[in-house]
Amino acid sequence: MNIREQLLGTWHLVSLTYQEDGQNFDFMGENPKGILTYSPDSTMAAQLMSSQRNKFSTHDWTKAPLEEIKEAFISYQAYYGRYEIDIEKKAVLHHIEASLFPNWHLDKVTQIRYFHIDKELLTIFTAPILVLGVERIFKAVWKR
């Protein structure tokens, strides 16, 4: 089975971490939730969220206090687009078409994801992403 065939399908998030000063940190807390899908027609979609999200104080999300909206935005990431595999770099390129973070699709960003597949586990490392004022490399572990 080639790399593309191994990547195809739906993956569920196991962990999302980054390192700082030699320590691992869970970016979205313990037991984050998420789904990553690669389809045969070269489209992909990713959604990741903290398992410790809080409810809004109102059932009308358009009327929620700004602090609650900020917390909800930070604790959730979603985007989709087209993908291509760079065999030499052992990377999958996510060409963002729409994203919760508008800069990614408005700037037509391509996110580079370095990956390794070991049976039912997909480990992805990001290129540096500016988060919390620091360029960070995230490690996401996904399971089929």
C-alpha atoms as a PDB file:
ATOM      1  CA  MET A   1       0.000   0.000   0.000  1.00  0.00           C
ATOM      2  CA  ASN A   2       1.432   3.390  -0.972  1.00  0.00           C
ATOM      3  CA  ILE A   3       1.614   6.427   1.337  1.00  0.00           C
ATOM      4  CA  ARG A   4      -1.468   8.075  -0.141  1.00  0.00           C
ATOM      5  CA  GLU A   5      -3.525   4.920   0.415  1.00  0.00           C
ATOM      6  CA  GLN A   6      -2.250   4.689   3.993  1.00  0.00           C
ATOM      7  CA  LEU A   7      -3.276   8.304   4.682  1.00  0.00           C
ATOM      8  CA  LEU A   8      -6.787   8.011   3.222  1.00  0.00           C
ATOM      9  CA  GLY A   9      -9.726   7.780   5.574  1.00  0.00           C
ATOM     10  CA  THR A  10     -10.809   9.177   8.897  1.00  0.00           C
ATOM     11  CA  TRP A  11      -8.554   9.681  11.886  1.00  0.00           C
ATOM     12  CA  HIS A  12      -9.514  10.512  15.498  1.00  0.00           C
ATOM     13  CA  LEU A  13      -7.392  12.773  17.683  1.00  0.00           C
ATOM     14  CA  VAL A  14      -5.503  11.118  20.533  1.00  0.00           C
ATOM     15  CA  SER A  15      -3.318  14.031  21.661  1.00  0.00           C
ATOM     16  CA  LEU A  16      -2.178  17.517  20.672  1.00  0.00           C
ATOM     17  CA  THR A  17       1.026  18.687  22.329  1.00  0.00           C
ATOM     18  CA  TYR A  18       3.884  21.125  21.969  1.00  0.00           C
ATOM     19  CA  GLN A  19       7.253  21.383  23.712  1.00  0.00           C
ATOM     20  CA  GLU A  20       8.570  24.313  25.663  1.00  0.00           C
ATOM     21  CA  ASP A  21      11.783  24.278  27.685  1.00  0.00           C
ATOM     22  CA  GLY A  22      11.991  20.508  27.225  1.00  0.00           C
ATOM     23  CA  GLN A  23       8.508  19.869  28.628  1.00  0.00           C
ATOM     24  CA  ASN A  24       5.426  18.606  26.778  1.00  0.00           C
ATOM     25  CA  PHE A  25       2.215  20.614  27.108  1.00  0.00           C
ATOM     26  CA  ASP A  26      -1.289  19.528  26.119  1.00  0.00           C
ATOM     27  CA  PHE A  27      -2.460  22.451  24.006  1.00  0.00           C
ATOM     28  CA  MET A  28      -6.158  21.601  24.247  1.00  0.00           C
ATOM     29  CA  GLY A  29      -6.003  19.861  27.611  1.00  0.00           C
ATOM     30  CA  GLU A  30      -6.094  16.159  28.284  1.00  0.00           C
ATOM     31  CA  ASN A  31      -8.227  14.012  25.995  1.00  0.00           C
ATOM     32  CA  PRO A  32      -8.874  16.520  23.188  1.00  0.00           C
ATOM     33  CA  LYS A  33     -11.444  15.606  20.572  1.00  0.00           C
ATOM     34  CA  GLY A  34     -10.909  15.788  16.847  1.00  0.00           C
ATOM     35  CA  ILE A  35     -11.364  14.303  13.443  1.00  0.00           C
ATOM     36  CA  LEU A  36      -9.107  14.438  10.379  1.00  0.00           C
ATOM     37  CA  THR A  37     -10.265  13.156   7.022  1.00  0.00           C
ATOM     38  CA  TYR A  38      -8.364  12.615   3.785  1.00  0.00           C
ATOM     39  CA  SER A  39     -10.552  11.648   0.837  1.00  0.00           C
ATOM     40  CA  PRO A  40      -9.599  10.062  -2.492  1.00  0.00           C
ATOM     41  CA  ASP A  41     -10.542  13.260  -4.371  1.00  0.00           C
ATOM     42  CA  SER A  42      -7.698  15.149  -2.580  1.00  0.00           C
ATOM     43  CA  THR A  43      -9.935  17.032  -0.160  1.00  0.00           C
ATOM     44  CA  MET A  44      -9.262  17.099   3.548  1.00  0.00           C
ATOM     45  CA  ALA A  45     -10.959  18.414   6.670  1.00  0.00           C
ATOM     46  CA  ALA A  46      -9.735  18.825  10.236  1.00  0.00           C
ATOM     47  CA  GLN A  47     -11.556  19.708  13.438  1.00  0.00           C
ATOM     48  CA  LEU A  48      -9.909  19.779  16.848  1.00  0.00           C
ATOM     49  CA  MET A  49     -11.284  20.855  20.196  1.00  0.00           C
ATOM     50  CA  SER A  50     -10.601  20.855  23.886  1.00  0.00           C
ATOM     51  CA  SER A  51     -12.655  18.348  25.835  1.00  0.00           C
ATOM     52  CA  GLN A  52     -12.966  20.978  28.595  1.00  0.00           C
ATOM     53  CA  ARG A  53     -15.011  23.618  26.757  1.00  0.00           C
ATOM     54  CA  ASN A  54     -17.501  25.702  28.692  1.00  0.00           C
ATOM     55  CA  LYS A  55     -21.106  26.392  27.780  1.00  0.00           C
ATOM     56  CA  PHE A  56     -22.117  29.902  26.778  1.00  0.00           C
ATOM     57  CA  SER A  57     -24.252  31.815  29.254  1.00  0.00           C
ATOM     58  CA  THR A  58     -26.899  32.198  26.521  1.00  0.00           C
ATOM     59  CA  HIS A  59     -28.439  29.859  23.963  1.00  0.00           C
ATOM     60  CA  ASP A  60     -28.037  32.556  21.282  1.00  0.00           C
ATOM     61  CA  TRP A  61     -24.364  32.247  20.324  1.00  0.00           C
ATOM     62  CA  THR A  62     -24.508  35.602  18.520  1.00  0.00           C
ATOM     63  CA  LYS A  63     -25.283  37.290  21.856  1.00  0.00           C
ATOM     64  CA  ALA A  64     -22.603  35.556  23.945  1.00  0.00           C
ATOM     65  CA  PRO A  65     -20.209  37.765  25.930  1.00  0.00           C
ATOM     66  CA  LEU A  66     -16.927  38.433  24.108  1.00  0.00           C
ATOM     67  CA  GLU A  67     -14.866  36.548  26.711  1.00  0.00           C
ATOM     68  CA  GLU A  68     -16.966  33.407  26.137  1.00  0.00           C
ATOM     69  CA  ILE A  69     -16.603  33.782  22.354  1.00  0.00           C
ATOM     70  CA  LYS A  70     -12.829  34.180  22.735  1.00  0.00           C
ATOM     71  CA  GLU A  71     -12.584  31.054  24.903  1.00  0.00           C
ATOM     72  CA  ALA A  72     -14.693  29.067  22.428  1.00  0.00           C
ATOM     73  CA  PHE A  73     -12.575  30.265  19.502  1.00  0.00           C
ATOM     74  CA  ILE A  74      -9.286  29.369  21.209  1.00  0.00           C
ATOM     75  CA  SER A  75     -10.522  25.922  22.252  1.00  0.00           C
ATOM     76  CA  TYR A  76     -11.582  24.901  18.728  1.00  0.00           C
ATOM     77  CA  GLN A  77      -9.832  24.734  15.369  1.00  0.00           C
ATOM     78  CA  ALA A  78     -11.436  23.757  12.089  1.00  0.00           C
ATOM     79  CA  TYR A  79     -10.412  24.003   8.471  1.00  0.00           C
ATOM     80  CA  TYR A  80     -10.736  22.232   5.158  1.00  0.00           C
ATOM     81  CA  GLY A  81      -9.242  22.332   1.717  1.00  0.00           C
ATOM     82  CA  ARG A  82      -7.258  20.333  -0.764  1.00  0.00           C
ATOM     83  CA  TYR A  83      -4.174  18.297   0.047  1.00  0.00           C
ATOM     84  CA  GLU A  84      -1.157  16.925  -1.722  1.00  0.00           C
ATOM     85  CA  ILE A  85       1.600  14.645  -0.532  1.00  0.00           C
ATOM     86  CA  ASP A  86       5.285  15.566  -0.793  1.00  0.00           C
ATOM     87  CA  ILE A  87       7.015  12.181  -0.664  1.00  0.00           C
ATOM     88  CA  GLU A  88      10.538  13.631  -0.397  1.00  0.00           C
ATOM     89  CA  LYS A  89       9.674  15.794   2.633  1.00  0.00           C
ATOM     90  CA  LYS A  90       7.410  13.111   4.140  1.00  0.00           C
ATOM     91  CA  ALA A  91       4.798  15.827   4.356  1.00  0.00           C
ATOM     92  CA  VAL A  92       1.212  16.452   3.453  1.00  0.00           C
ATOM     93  CA  LEU A  93       0.386  19.980   2.308  1.00  0.00           C
ATOM     94  CA  HIS A  94      -2.983  21.345   3.410  1.00  0.00           C
ATOM     95  CA  HIS A  95      -4.111  24.045   0.973  1.00  0.00           C
ATOM     96  CA  ILE A  96      -6.621  25.888   3.159  1.00  0.00           C
ATOM     97  CA  GLU A  97      -9.903  26.877   1.474  1.00  0.00           C
ATOM     98  CA  ALA A  98     -11.879  27.756   4.633  1.00  0.00           C
ATOM     99  CA  SER A  99     -10.928  28.009   8.291  1.00  0.00           C
ATOM    100  CA  LEU A 100     -12.246  29.149  11.649  1.00  0.00           C
ATOM    101  CA  PHE A 101      -9.077  31.290  11.701  1.00  0.00           C
ATOM    102  CA  PRO A 102      -9.854  33.536   8.702  1.00  0.00           C
ATOM    103  CA  ASN A 103      -6.226  34.482   7.955  1.00  0.00           C
ATOM    104  CA  TRP A 104      -5.518  30.945   6.787  1.00  0.00           C
ATOM    105  CA  HIS A 105      -8.064  30.998   3.984  1.00  0.00           C
ATOM    106  CA  LEU A 106      -8.041  34.734   3.233  1.00  0.00           C
ATOM    107  CA  ASP A 107      -4.261  34.595   2.790  1.00  0.00           C
ATOM    108  CA  LYS A 108      -4.538  31.295   0.859  1.00  0.00           C
ATOM    109  CA  VAL A 109      -2.207  29.602   3.343  1.00  0.00           C
ATOM    110  CA  THR A 110      -0.724  26.167   2.801  1.00  0.00           C
ATOM    111  CA  GLN A 111      -0.060  24.394   6.082  1.00  0.00           C
ATOM    112  CA  ILE A 112       2.772  21.859   6.018  1.00  0.00           C
ATOM    113  CA  ARG A 113       2.260  18.722   8.082  1.00  0.00           C
ATOM    114  CA  TYR A 114       5.173  16.291   8.458  1.00  0.00           C
ATOM    115  CA  PHE A 115       3.827  12.837   9.143  1.00  0.00           C
ATOM    116  CA  HIS A 116       4.628   9.277  10.062  1.00  0.00           C
ATOM    117  CA  ILE A 117       2.205   6.360   9.869  1.00  0.00           C
ATOM    118  CA  ASP A 118       2.681   3.314  12.065  1.00  0.00           C
ATOM    119  CA  LYS A 119      -0.152   0.834  11.557  1.00  0.00           C
ATOM    120  CA  GLU A 120      -3.241   2.541  13.008  1.00  0.00           C
ATOM    121  CA  LEU A 121      -1.427   5.664  14.309  1.00  0.00           C
ATOM    122  CA  LEU A 122      -0.740   8.824  12.342  1.00  0.00           C
ATOM    123  CA  THR A 123       1.701  11.261  13.948  1.00  0.00           C
ATOM    124  CA  ILE A 124       1.795  14.753  12.511  1.00  0.00           C
ATOM    125  CA  PHE A 125       4.225  17.581  13.273  1.00  0.00           C
ATOM    126  CA  THR A 126       3.367  21.079  12.124  1.00  0.00           C
ATOM    127  CA  ALA A 127       5.747  23.592  10.707  1.00  0.00           C
ATOM    128  CA  PRO A 128       6.119  26.431  13.267  1.00  0.00           C
ATOM    129  CA  ILE A 129       2.792  28.181  13.948  1.00  0.00           C
ATOM    130  CA  LEU A 130       2.511  31.453  15.871  1.00  0.00           C
ATOM    131  CA  VAL A 131       0.406  30.677  18.980  1.00  0.00           C
ATOM    132  CA  LEU A 132       0.353  32.524  22.304  1.00  0.00           C
ATOM    133  CA  GLY A 133       2.992  34.890  20.943  1.00  0.00           C
ATOM    134  CA  VAL A 134       5.518  32.123  20.236  1.00  0.00           C
ATOM    135  CA  GLU A 135       6.275  30.047  17.144  1.00  0.00           C
ATOM    136  CA  ARG A 136       5.411  26.497  18.188  1.00  0.00           C
ATOM    137  CA  ILE A 137       5.645  23.093  16.566  1.00  0.00           C
ATOM    138  CA  PHE A 138       2.656  20.945  17.428  1.00  0.00           C
ATOM    139  CA  LYS A 139       2.567  17.170  17.537  1.00  0.00           C
ATOM    140  CA  ALA A 140      -0.835  15.625  16.850  1.00  0.00           C
ATOM    141  CA  VAL A 141      -1.358  11.893  17.269  1.00  0.00           C
ATOM    142  CA  TRP A 142      -4.335  10.418  15.434  1.00  0.00           C
ATOM    143  CA  LYS A 143      -5.798   6.905  15.494  1.00  0.00           C
ATOM    144  CA  ARG A 144      -7.859   5.208  12.825  1.00  0.00           C
END
